[in-house]
Amino acid sequence: MHNANLPYEKHSMKITQDDLKKILESENSPIFIDLRTPTEFSQGHIMKSKNIPIEVFKEVIIKMNLDLKSPIILYCRTGRKSGIAANILYELGFKKIYNFGGINNWNYALEK
């Protein structure tokens, strides 16, 4: 489990919505994960994001058998779950962790 004494920001880099939009519009966009519930995800999500609810996040990431150098971008509703997920990725050995925070930071169109 995550260590509550460590600030989440220590393990991830912040990313702005404009930088995120440019990254997502490129052909080789990184793994982009929405940590909200499937219901929240279906009501609107950022393009190219994959829904992996925080409750199953660690197990799913382990099963995906990703390269630890793979860039991963995280977001949720408020930024709390993405901070927890960033810490999990750090503990698993991932090196390129980006925390977009909450979906409210996104002012562009959402997909449904």
C-alpha atoms as a PDB file:
ATOM      1  CA  MET A   1       0.000   0.000   0.000  1.00  0.00           C
ATOM      2  CA  HIS A   2       1.078   3.604  -0.359  1.00  0.00           C
ATOM      3  CA  ASN A   3       3.046   5.374   2.335  1.00  0.00           C
ATOM      4  CA  ALA A   4       0.872   8.208   3.618  1.00  0.00           C
ATOM      5  CA  ASN A   5       3.959  10.105   4.835  1.00  0.00           C
ATOM      6  CA  LEU A   6       5.253  10.647   1.296  1.00  0.00           C
ATOM      7  CA  PRO A   7       3.741  13.504  -0.701  1.00  0.00           C
ATOM      8  CA  TYR A   8       2.328  12.221  -3.980  1.00  0.00           C
ATOM      9  CA  GLU A   9       3.934  15.054  -5.965  1.00  0.00           C
ATOM     10  CA  LYS A  10       7.315  13.568  -5.121  1.00  0.00           C
ATOM     11  CA  HIS A  11       6.642  10.603  -7.426  1.00  0.00           C
ATOM     12  CA  SER A  12       4.990  12.283 -10.383  1.00  0.00           C
ATOM     13  CA  MET A  13       5.358  15.297 -12.639  1.00  0.00           C
ATOM     14  CA  LYS A  14       2.526  17.753 -13.148  1.00  0.00           C
ATOM     15  CA  ILE A  15       1.295  18.298 -16.687  1.00  0.00           C
ATOM     16  CA  THR A  16      -0.757  21.213 -18.048  1.00  0.00           C
ATOM     17  CA  GLN A  17      -3.890  20.756 -20.131  1.00  0.00           C
ATOM     18  CA  ASP A  18      -2.222  22.376 -23.153  1.00  0.00           C
ATOM     19  CA  ASP A  19       0.770  20.016 -22.937  1.00  0.00           C
ATOM     20  CA  LEU A  20      -1.599  17.075 -22.453  1.00  0.00           C
ATOM     21  CA  LYS A  21      -3.660  18.063 -25.508  1.00  0.00           C
ATOM     22  CA  LYS A  22      -0.500  18.217 -27.681  1.00  0.00           C
ATOM     23  CA  ILE A  23       0.670  14.829 -26.394  1.00  0.00           C
ATOM     24  CA  LEU A  24      -2.723  13.209 -27.053  1.00  0.00           C
ATOM     25  CA  GLU A  25      -2.856  14.611 -30.569  1.00  0.00           C
ATOM     26  CA  SER A  26       0.485  12.986 -31.436  1.00  0.00           C
ATOM     27  CA  GLU A  27       0.582   9.500 -32.952  1.00  0.00           C
ATOM     28  CA  ASN A  28       2.571   7.894 -30.150  1.00  0.00           C
ATOM     29  CA  SER A  29       0.573   9.098 -27.190  1.00  0.00           C
ATOM     30  CA  PRO A  30       1.482   7.493 -23.846  1.00  0.00           C
ATOM     31  CA  ILE A  31      -0.699   5.318 -21.653  1.00  0.00           C
ATOM     32  CA  PHE A  32      -3.424   7.628 -20.349  1.00  0.00           C
ATOM     33  CA  ILE A  33      -5.525   6.402 -17.430  1.00  0.00           C
ATOM     34  CA  ASP A  34      -8.821   7.666 -15.986  1.00  0.00           C
ATOM     35  CA  LEU A  35      -9.114   6.355 -12.412  1.00  0.00           C
ATOM     36  CA  ARG A  36     -12.790   7.188 -11.912  1.00  0.00           C
ATOM     37  CA  THR A  37     -15.663   4.721 -11.783  1.00  0.00           C
ATOM     38  CA  PRO A  38     -17.000   3.224 -15.049  1.00  0.00           C
ATOM     39  CA  THR A  39     -20.184   5.308 -14.569  1.00  0.00           C
ATOM     40  CA  GLU A  40     -18.209   8.553 -14.249  1.00  0.00           C
ATOM     41  CA  PHE A  41     -16.063   7.544 -17.251  1.00  0.00           C
ATOM     42  CA  SER A  42     -19.155   6.889 -19.417  1.00  0.00           C
ATOM     43  CA  GLN A  43     -20.545  10.343 -18.572  1.00  0.00           C
ATOM     44  CA  GLY A  44     -17.520  11.978 -20.212  1.00  0.00           C
ATOM     45  CA  HIS A  45     -13.767  11.392 -20.381  1.00  0.00           C
ATOM     46  CA  ILE A  46     -10.678  12.880 -21.991  1.00  0.00           C
ATOM     47  CA  MET A  47      -9.820  11.496 -25.437  1.00  0.00           C
ATOM     48  CA  LYS A  48      -7.619   8.389 -25.607  1.00  0.00           C
ATOM     49  CA  SER A  49      -7.986   7.679 -21.878  1.00  0.00           C
ATOM     50  CA  LYS A  50      -8.426   4.120 -20.636  1.00  0.00           C
ATOM     51  CA  ASN A  51     -10.691   3.542 -17.646  1.00  0.00           C
ATOM     52  CA  ILE A  52      -8.973   1.669 -14.810  1.00  0.00           C
ATOM     53  CA  PRO A  53     -10.803   2.418 -11.532  1.00  0.00           C
ATOM     54  CA  ILE A  54      -8.478   3.042  -8.578  1.00  0.00           C
ATOM     55  CA  GLU A  55      -9.947   0.041  -6.737  1.00  0.00           C
ATOM     56  CA  VAL A  56      -8.392  -2.378  -9.277  1.00  0.00           C
ATOM     57  CA  PHE A  57      -5.563  -0.155 -10.534  1.00  0.00           C
ATOM     58  CA  LYS A  58      -2.556  -1.963  -9.047  1.00  0.00           C
ATOM     59  CA  GLU A  59      -3.729  -5.429 -10.124  1.00  0.00           C
ATOM     60  CA  VAL A  60      -4.545  -4.280 -13.675  1.00  0.00           C
ATOM     61  CA  ILE A  61      -1.229  -2.432 -14.099  1.00  0.00           C
ATOM     62  CA  ILE A  62       0.701  -5.510 -12.938  1.00  0.00           C
ATOM     63  CA  LYS A  63      -1.242  -7.727 -15.383  1.00  0.00           C
ATOM     64  CA  MET A  64      -0.513  -5.301 -18.256  1.00  0.00           C
ATOM     65  CA  ASN A  65       3.208  -6.116 -17.865  1.00  0.00           C
ATOM     66  CA  LEU A  66       4.308  -2.676 -19.100  1.00  0.00           C
ATOM     67  CA  ASP A  67       7.856  -1.471 -19.625  1.00  0.00           C
ATOM     68  CA  LEU A  68       8.842   0.496 -16.506  1.00  0.00           C
ATOM     69  CA  LYS A  69      10.086   3.290 -18.781  1.00  0.00           C
ATOM     70  CA  SER A  70       6.631   3.680 -20.392  1.00  0.00           C
ATOM     71  CA  PRO A  71       5.223   7.158 -19.784  1.00  0.00           C
ATOM     72  CA  ILE A  72       1.911   7.021 -17.937  1.00  0.00           C
ATOM     73  CA  ILE A  73      -0.474   9.952 -17.459  1.00  0.00           C
ATOM     74  CA  LEU A  74      -3.107   9.780 -14.707  1.00  0.00           C
ATOM     75  CA  TYR A  75      -6.266  11.693 -13.880  1.00  0.00           C
ATOM     76  CA  CYS A  76      -9.430  11.291 -11.819  1.00  0.00           C
ATOM     77  CA  ARG A  77     -12.190  13.609 -10.600  1.00  0.00           C
ATOM     78  CA  THR A  78     -10.290  15.798  -8.106  1.00  0.00           C
ATOM     79  CA  GLY A  79      -6.659  14.655  -8.249  1.00  0.00           C
ATOM     80  CA  ARG A  80      -6.685  12.569  -5.061  1.00  0.00           C
ATOM     81  CA  LYS A  81      -6.923   9.149  -6.745  1.00  0.00           C
ATOM     82  CA  SER A  82      -4.362  10.115  -9.379  1.00  0.00           C
ATOM     83  CA  GLY A  83      -1.949  10.999  -6.563  1.00  0.00           C
ATOM     84  CA  ILE A  84      -2.501   7.588  -4.962  1.00  0.00           C
ATOM     85  CA  ALA A  85      -2.056   5.856  -8.342  1.00  0.00           C
ATOM     86  CA  ALA A  86       1.172   7.813  -8.986  1.00  0.00           C
ATOM     87  CA  ASN A  87       2.524   6.513  -5.702  1.00  0.00           C
ATOM     88  CA  ILE A  88       1.558   2.930  -6.635  1.00  0.00           C
ATOM     89  CA  LEU A  89       3.362   3.279  -9.984  1.00  0.00           C
ATOM     90  CA  TYR A  90       6.429   4.657  -8.218  1.00  0.00           C
ATOM     91  CA  GLU A  91       6.447   1.695  -5.808  1.00  0.00           C
ATOM     92  CA  LEU A  92       6.188  -0.675  -8.800  1.00  0.00           C
ATOM     93  CA  GLY A  93       9.274   0.950 -10.328  1.00  0.00           C
ATOM     94  CA  PHE A  94       7.797   3.144 -13.075  1.00  0.00           C
ATOM     95  CA  LYS A  95       9.983   6.111 -14.028  1.00  0.00           C
ATOM     96  CA  LYS A  96       7.784   8.431 -16.154  1.00  0.00           C
ATOM     97  CA  ILE A  97       4.677   9.219 -14.135  1.00  0.00           C
ATOM     98  CA  TYR A  98       2.590  12.291 -14.989  1.00  0.00           C
ATOM     99  CA  ASN A  99      -0.310  13.465 -12.830  1.00  0.00           C
ATOM    100  CA  PHE A 100      -2.857  15.616 -14.657  1.00  0.00           C
ATOM    101  CA  GLY A 101      -4.950  15.795 -11.481  1.00  0.00           C
ATOM    102  CA  GLY A 102      -8.708  16.244 -11.808  1.00  0.00           C
ATOM    103  CA  ILE A 103     -10.842  16.181 -14.937  1.00  0.00           C
ATOM    104  CA  ASN A 104     -11.987  19.702 -14.012  1.00  0.00           C
ATOM    105  CA  ASN A 105      -8.504  20.879 -15.144  1.00  0.00           C
ATOM    106  CA  TRP A 106      -9.530  19.941 -18.726  1.00  0.00           C
ATOM    107  CA  ASN A 107     -11.340  22.726 -20.596  1.00  0.00           C
ATOM    108  CA  TYR A 108     -11.544  20.958 -23.963  1.00  0.00           C
ATOM    109  CA  ALA A 109     -14.296  18.637 -25.207  1.00  0.00           C
ATOM    110  CA  LEU A 110     -14.925  15.308 -23.507  1.00  0.00           C
ATOM    111  CA  GLU A 111     -15.727  12.028 -25.254  1.00  0.00           C
ATOM    112  CA  LYS A 112     -18.661   9.813 -24.282  1.00  0.00           C
END
